[in-house]
N, C-alpha and C. Protein backbone atom coordinates (compact mmCIF):
# COMPACT_ATOMS: atom_id res chain seq x y z
N MET A 1 127.61 122.99 117.42
CA MET A 1 127.22 121.73 118.01
C MET A 1 126.30 120.95 117.08
N TRP A 2 125.34 121.62 116.39
CA TRP A 2 124.44 120.92 115.49
C TRP A 2 125.20 120.27 114.35
N TYR A 3 126.30 120.90 113.91
CA TYR A 3 127.11 120.36 112.81
C TYR A 3 127.70 119.02 113.21
N HIS A 4 128.19 118.92 114.43
CA HIS A 4 128.79 117.68 114.92
C HIS A 4 127.75 116.56 114.95
N ALA A 5 126.54 116.86 115.43
CA ALA A 5 125.49 115.84 115.48
C ALA A 5 125.10 115.41 114.06
N ASP A 6 125.02 116.37 113.15
CA ASP A 6 124.68 116.07 111.78
C ASP A 6 125.76 115.20 111.13
N LYS A 7 127.01 115.51 111.43
CA LYS A 7 128.13 114.75 110.90
C LYS A 7 128.10 113.32 111.44
N LEU A 8 127.76 113.17 112.72
CA LEU A 8 127.67 111.84 113.32
C LEU A 8 126.58 111.01 112.66
N THR A 9 125.42 111.62 112.43
CA THR A 9 124.32 110.92 111.77
C THR A 9 124.73 110.51 110.36
N SER A 10 125.40 111.40 109.66
CA SER A 10 125.86 111.10 108.32
C SER A 10 126.84 109.93 108.33
N ARG A 11 127.72 109.89 109.33
CA ARG A 11 128.68 108.80 109.44
C ARG A 11 127.97 107.48 109.71
N LYS A 12 126.95 107.48 110.56
CA LYS A 12 126.19 106.26 110.84
C LYS A 12 125.48 105.76 109.59
N LEU A 13 124.87 106.69 108.84
CA LEU A 13 124.19 106.30 107.61
C LEU A 13 125.17 105.71 106.61
N LYS A 14 126.34 106.33 106.50
CA LYS A 14 127.36 105.84 105.58
C LYS A 14 127.80 104.44 105.96
N ARG A 15 127.98 104.19 107.27
CA ARG A 15 128.39 102.85 107.72
C ARG A 15 127.32 101.83 107.40
N ASN A 16 126.04 102.19 107.54
CA ASN A 16 124.96 101.26 107.21
C ASN A 16 124.92 100.98 105.71
N VAL A 17 125.07 102.00 104.89
CA VAL A 17 125.03 101.82 103.45
C VAL A 17 126.19 100.92 103.01
N LEU A 18 127.32 101.05 103.63
CA LEU A 18 128.47 100.23 103.27
C LEU A 18 128.42 98.84 103.89
N GLY A 19 127.44 98.58 104.73
CA GLY A 19 127.31 97.26 105.32
C GLY A 19 128.22 97.05 106.51
N LEU A 20 128.75 98.13 107.06
CA LEU A 20 129.67 97.99 108.19
C LEU A 20 128.93 97.81 109.50
N ASP A 21 127.70 98.25 109.55
CA ASP A 21 126.86 98.08 110.73
C ASP A 21 125.58 97.39 110.31
N ARG A 22 125.03 96.62 111.20
CA ARG A 22 123.71 96.08 110.94
C ARG A 22 122.70 97.21 111.06
N VAL A 23 121.56 97.03 110.47
CA VAL A 23 120.51 98.04 110.57
C VAL A 23 120.15 98.19 112.03
N GLU A 24 120.10 99.43 112.47
CA GLU A 24 119.84 99.69 113.88
C GLU A 24 118.36 99.62 114.19
N GLU A 25 118.03 99.81 115.44
CA GLU A 25 116.65 99.84 115.94
C GLU A 25 115.95 98.51 115.72
N GLY A 26 116.60 97.41 116.07
CA GLY A 26 115.97 96.10 116.04
C GLY A 26 115.93 95.44 114.69
N GLY A 27 116.45 96.09 113.65
CA GLY A 27 116.47 95.47 112.34
C GLY A 27 117.51 94.37 112.29
N CYS A 28 117.51 93.61 111.23
CA CYS A 28 118.50 92.54 111.10
C CYS A 28 119.25 92.73 109.80
N SER A 29 120.39 92.12 109.71
CA SER A 29 121.18 92.29 108.50
C SER A 29 120.54 91.59 107.31
N ALA A 30 119.68 90.59 107.54
CA ALA A 30 118.98 89.96 106.42
C ALA A 30 118.04 90.96 105.76
N THR A 31 117.35 91.75 106.55
CA THR A 31 116.46 92.78 106.01
C THR A 31 117.26 93.80 105.23
N TRP A 32 118.38 94.20 105.78
CA TRP A 32 119.23 95.16 105.07
C TRP A 32 119.75 94.56 103.78
N PHE A 33 120.15 93.30 103.81
CA PHE A 33 120.67 92.62 102.62
C PHE A 33 119.61 92.57 101.52
N LEU A 34 118.38 92.24 101.87
CA LEU A 34 117.32 92.20 100.87
C LEU A 34 117.04 93.58 100.29
N SER A 35 117.10 94.61 101.12
CA SER A 35 116.89 95.96 100.60
C SER A 35 118.06 96.38 99.70
N GLU A 36 119.24 95.90 100.01
CA GLU A 36 120.41 96.19 99.17
C GLU A 36 120.27 95.48 97.82
N LEU A 37 119.75 94.25 97.82
CA LEU A 37 119.51 93.55 96.55
C LEU A 37 118.51 94.33 95.70
N LYS A 38 117.46 94.84 96.33
CA LYS A 38 116.47 95.64 95.60
C LYS A 38 117.10 96.89 95.02
N ARG A 39 117.98 97.51 95.80
CA ARG A 39 118.64 98.73 95.33
C ARG A 39 119.55 98.44 94.14
N ARG A 40 120.32 97.36 94.23
CA ARG A 40 121.30 97.07 93.17
C ARG A 40 120.67 96.47 91.91
N TYR A 41 119.69 95.59 92.09
CA TYR A 41 119.13 94.85 90.96
C TYR A 41 117.73 95.32 90.54
N GLY A 42 117.10 96.13 91.35
CA GLY A 42 115.75 96.57 91.06
C GLY A 42 114.69 95.73 91.76
N SER A 43 115.02 94.48 92.05
CA SER A 43 114.12 93.59 92.78
C SER A 43 114.91 92.39 93.28
N VAL A 44 114.35 91.72 94.27
CA VAL A 44 114.99 90.50 94.78
C VAL A 44 114.92 89.42 93.71
N LEU A 45 113.85 89.40 92.94
CA LEU A 45 113.70 88.42 91.87
C LEU A 45 114.82 88.53 90.85
N ARG A 46 115.12 89.73 90.41
CA ARG A 46 116.20 89.93 89.43
C ARG A 46 117.54 89.50 90.00
N ALA A 47 117.77 89.79 91.27
CA ALA A 47 119.02 89.36 91.91
C ALA A 47 119.07 87.84 91.99
N PHE A 48 117.95 87.23 92.35
CA PHE A 48 117.88 85.78 92.47
C PHE A 48 118.15 85.12 91.12
N LEU A 49 117.55 85.65 90.06
CA LEU A 49 117.76 85.10 88.72
C LEU A 49 119.19 85.30 88.24
N ALA A 50 119.83 86.39 88.66
CA ALA A 50 121.22 86.63 88.28
C ALA A 50 122.15 85.59 88.90
N VAL A 51 121.76 85.08 90.05
CA VAL A 51 122.59 84.09 90.75
C VAL A 51 122.23 82.68 90.33
N ASP A 52 120.94 82.38 90.25
CA ASP A 52 120.52 81.01 89.97
C ASP A 52 119.20 81.01 89.21
N ALA A 53 119.24 80.64 87.95
CA ALA A 53 118.02 80.57 87.16
C ALA A 53 117.63 79.13 86.86
N LYS A 54 118.37 78.17 87.40
CA LYS A 54 118.14 76.77 87.02
C LYS A 54 117.31 76.01 88.04
N THR A 55 117.77 75.96 89.26
CA THR A 55 117.13 75.09 90.26
C THR A 55 116.01 75.76 91.04
N GLY A 56 116.01 77.06 91.13
CA GLY A 56 114.97 77.75 91.88
C GLY A 56 115.27 77.90 93.35
N SER A 57 116.43 77.41 93.78
CA SER A 57 116.83 77.58 95.18
C SER A 57 118.34 77.62 95.29
N LEU A 58 118.81 78.13 96.41
CA LEU A 58 120.24 78.23 96.66
C LEU A 58 120.58 77.46 97.92
N ASN A 59 121.65 76.66 97.87
CA ASN A 59 122.15 76.06 99.11
C ASN A 59 123.13 77.04 99.74
N PHE A 60 123.66 76.69 100.91
CA PHE A 60 124.52 77.64 101.62
C PHE A 60 125.76 78.00 100.82
N HIS A 61 126.36 77.02 100.17
CA HIS A 61 127.58 77.30 99.40
C HIS A 61 127.29 78.30 98.27
N MET A 62 126.23 78.05 97.51
CA MET A 62 125.87 78.95 96.42
C MET A 62 125.55 80.35 96.96
N PHE A 63 124.84 80.40 98.08
CA PHE A 63 124.48 81.68 98.69
C PHE A 63 125.73 82.44 99.13
N SER A 64 126.66 81.75 99.79
CA SER A 64 127.85 82.43 100.30
C SER A 64 128.75 82.92 99.16
N VAL A 65 128.81 82.17 98.06
CA VAL A 65 129.58 82.62 96.90
C VAL A 65 128.94 83.88 96.31
N ALA A 66 127.62 83.86 96.16
CA ALA A 66 126.91 85.03 95.62
C ALA A 66 127.03 86.22 96.57
N TYR A 67 126.95 85.97 97.86
CA TYR A 67 127.07 87.01 98.89
C TYR A 67 128.44 87.68 98.79
N ALA A 68 129.49 86.86 98.63
CA ALA A 68 130.85 87.40 98.49
C ALA A 68 131.02 88.14 97.17
N ARG A 69 130.40 87.62 96.10
CA ARG A 69 130.49 88.26 94.80
C ARG A 69 129.87 89.66 94.82
N LEU A 70 128.87 89.83 95.68
CA LEU A 70 128.25 91.15 95.84
C LEU A 70 129.10 92.08 96.69
N GLY A 71 130.19 91.54 97.26
CA GLY A 71 131.10 92.37 98.04
C GLY A 71 130.89 92.29 99.54
N TYR A 72 130.10 91.33 100.00
CA TYR A 72 129.82 91.20 101.43
C TYR A 72 130.59 90.02 101.99
N SER A 73 130.99 90.16 103.24
CA SER A 73 131.64 89.03 103.90
C SER A 73 131.17 88.89 105.35
N ARG A 74 130.63 89.94 105.90
CA ARG A 74 130.20 89.90 107.30
C ARG A 74 128.85 89.22 107.45
N ASP A 75 128.73 88.45 108.51
CA ASP A 75 127.46 87.87 108.94
C ASP A 75 126.79 86.98 107.91
N VAL A 76 127.55 86.33 107.04
CA VAL A 76 126.94 85.50 106.01
C VAL A 76 126.10 84.37 106.63
N ARG A 77 126.60 83.74 107.70
CA ARG A 77 125.84 82.66 108.32
C ARG A 77 124.57 83.18 108.99
N MET A 78 124.66 84.32 109.64
CA MET A 78 123.48 84.87 110.29
C MET A 78 122.41 85.23 109.25
N VAL A 79 122.82 85.88 108.17
CA VAL A 79 121.88 86.24 107.11
C VAL A 79 121.26 84.97 106.53
N TRP A 80 122.10 83.94 106.32
CA TRP A 80 121.61 82.68 105.78
C TRP A 80 120.52 82.08 106.66
N PHE A 81 120.80 81.98 107.95
CA PHE A 81 119.83 81.36 108.85
C PHE A 81 118.55 82.19 108.99
N LEU A 82 118.66 83.50 108.86
CA LEU A 82 117.46 84.33 108.90
C LEU A 82 116.63 84.20 107.62
N LEU A 83 117.29 84.01 106.48
CA LEU A 83 116.57 83.84 105.22
C LEU A 83 115.99 82.44 105.06
N ASP A 84 116.70 81.43 105.56
CA ASP A 84 116.25 80.04 105.45
C ASP A 84 115.22 79.78 106.55
N ALA A 85 114.07 80.38 106.41
CA ALA A 85 113.04 80.37 107.46
C ALA A 85 112.55 78.97 107.81
N ASP A 86 112.48 78.08 106.81
CA ASP A 86 111.96 76.75 107.09
C ASP A 86 113.05 75.75 107.50
N GLY A 87 114.31 76.19 107.52
CA GLY A 87 115.41 75.33 107.95
C GLY A 87 115.69 74.17 107.02
N SER A 88 115.32 74.32 105.74
CA SER A 88 115.49 73.24 104.77
C SER A 88 116.93 73.09 104.28
N GLY A 89 117.76 74.09 104.52
CA GLY A 89 119.12 74.05 103.99
C GLY A 89 119.21 74.67 102.61
N GLU A 90 118.09 75.18 102.12
CA GLU A 90 118.04 75.88 100.85
C GLU A 90 117.17 77.11 100.99
N VAL A 91 117.52 78.16 100.27
CA VAL A 91 116.73 79.38 100.26
C VAL A 91 116.13 79.51 98.87
N ASP A 92 114.82 79.67 98.82
CA ASP A 92 114.17 79.86 97.52
C ASP A 92 113.55 81.25 97.48
N LEU A 93 112.99 81.57 96.33
CA LEU A 93 112.42 82.90 96.15
C LEU A 93 111.28 83.16 97.12
N ASP A 94 110.52 82.12 97.46
CA ASP A 94 109.41 82.28 98.39
C ASP A 94 109.89 82.77 99.76
N GLU A 95 111.07 82.35 100.18
CA GLU A 95 111.62 82.79 101.46
C GLU A 95 112.22 84.19 101.36
N MET A 96 112.77 84.53 100.19
CA MET A 96 113.42 85.83 100.04
C MET A 96 112.44 86.93 99.67
N ASP A 97 111.47 86.61 98.81
CA ASP A 97 110.48 87.60 98.37
C ASP A 97 109.16 86.91 98.09
N PRO A 98 108.35 86.67 99.15
CA PRO A 98 107.10 85.95 98.99
C PRO A 98 106.13 86.63 98.01
N THR A 99 106.14 87.93 97.93
CA THR A 99 105.24 88.65 97.02
C THR A 99 105.57 88.32 95.58
N ALA A 100 106.84 88.42 95.20
CA ALA A 100 107.26 88.11 93.83
C ALA A 100 107.01 86.64 93.52
N SER A 101 107.25 85.78 94.48
CA SER A 101 107.03 84.35 94.29
C SER A 101 105.55 84.07 94.02
N GLY A 102 104.67 84.71 94.77
CA GLY A 102 103.24 84.54 94.56
C GLY A 102 102.80 85.04 93.19
N LEU A 103 103.33 86.18 92.78
CA LEU A 103 103.00 86.72 91.46
C LEU A 103 103.45 85.78 90.35
N LEU A 104 104.64 85.21 90.49
CA LEU A 104 105.14 84.27 89.50
C LEU A 104 104.27 83.01 89.43
N ARG A 105 103.84 82.52 90.60
CA ARG A 105 102.96 81.34 90.62
C ARG A 105 101.64 81.63 89.91
N ARG A 106 101.07 82.80 90.19
CA ARG A 106 99.81 83.17 89.53
C ARG A 106 99.99 83.32 88.02
N PHE A 107 101.10 83.95 87.62
CA PHE A 107 101.40 84.11 86.20
C PHE A 107 101.54 82.74 85.53
N HIS A 108 102.24 81.84 86.18
CA HIS A 108 102.41 80.49 85.65
C HIS A 108 101.06 79.81 85.45
N CYS A 109 100.18 79.93 86.43
CA CYS A 109 98.84 79.32 86.33
C CYS A 109 98.06 79.89 85.15
N VAL A 110 98.14 81.21 84.96
CA VAL A 110 97.43 81.86 83.85
C VAL A 110 97.99 81.37 82.51
N VAL A 111 99.30 81.28 82.39
CA VAL A 111 99.93 80.83 81.16
C VAL A 111 99.55 79.38 80.87
N VAL A 112 99.59 78.53 81.88
CA VAL A 112 99.23 77.13 81.70
C VAL A 112 97.76 77.00 81.31
N ALA A 113 96.89 77.77 81.96
CA ALA A 113 95.46 77.72 81.65
C ALA A 113 95.18 78.22 80.23
N ALA A 114 95.92 79.22 79.79
CA ALA A 114 95.73 79.76 78.43
C ALA A 114 96.19 78.76 77.37
N GLY A 115 97.13 77.92 77.72
CA GLY A 115 97.65 76.94 76.77
C GLY A 115 96.78 75.71 76.63
N GLU A 116 95.82 75.55 77.50
CA GLU A 116 94.97 74.35 77.45
C GLU A 116 93.85 74.46 76.48
């Protein structure tokens, strides 16, 4: 009997890793998506730069193309609306990874101050 329960748990974990189920226990697929970006790219910042290094933000079309390129197709609109916290129609690094965004802002200030 314990083997069956263990196998069931393993199957649930596998479905979550493959993106077939949303994260259980009140989690959202946006949270899972961000953790998957960290797993694949090492950080959300690296993933963001791989998709868009020019404008600093993604509109829905750019996001959905990048989402599909990563191999995802489910819940793209839901993930988009959860990430676009301010409802601006664009997702920037500050919305996806506020910590990395803050570090970059501080680094920019230090570099600018050193150049003066």
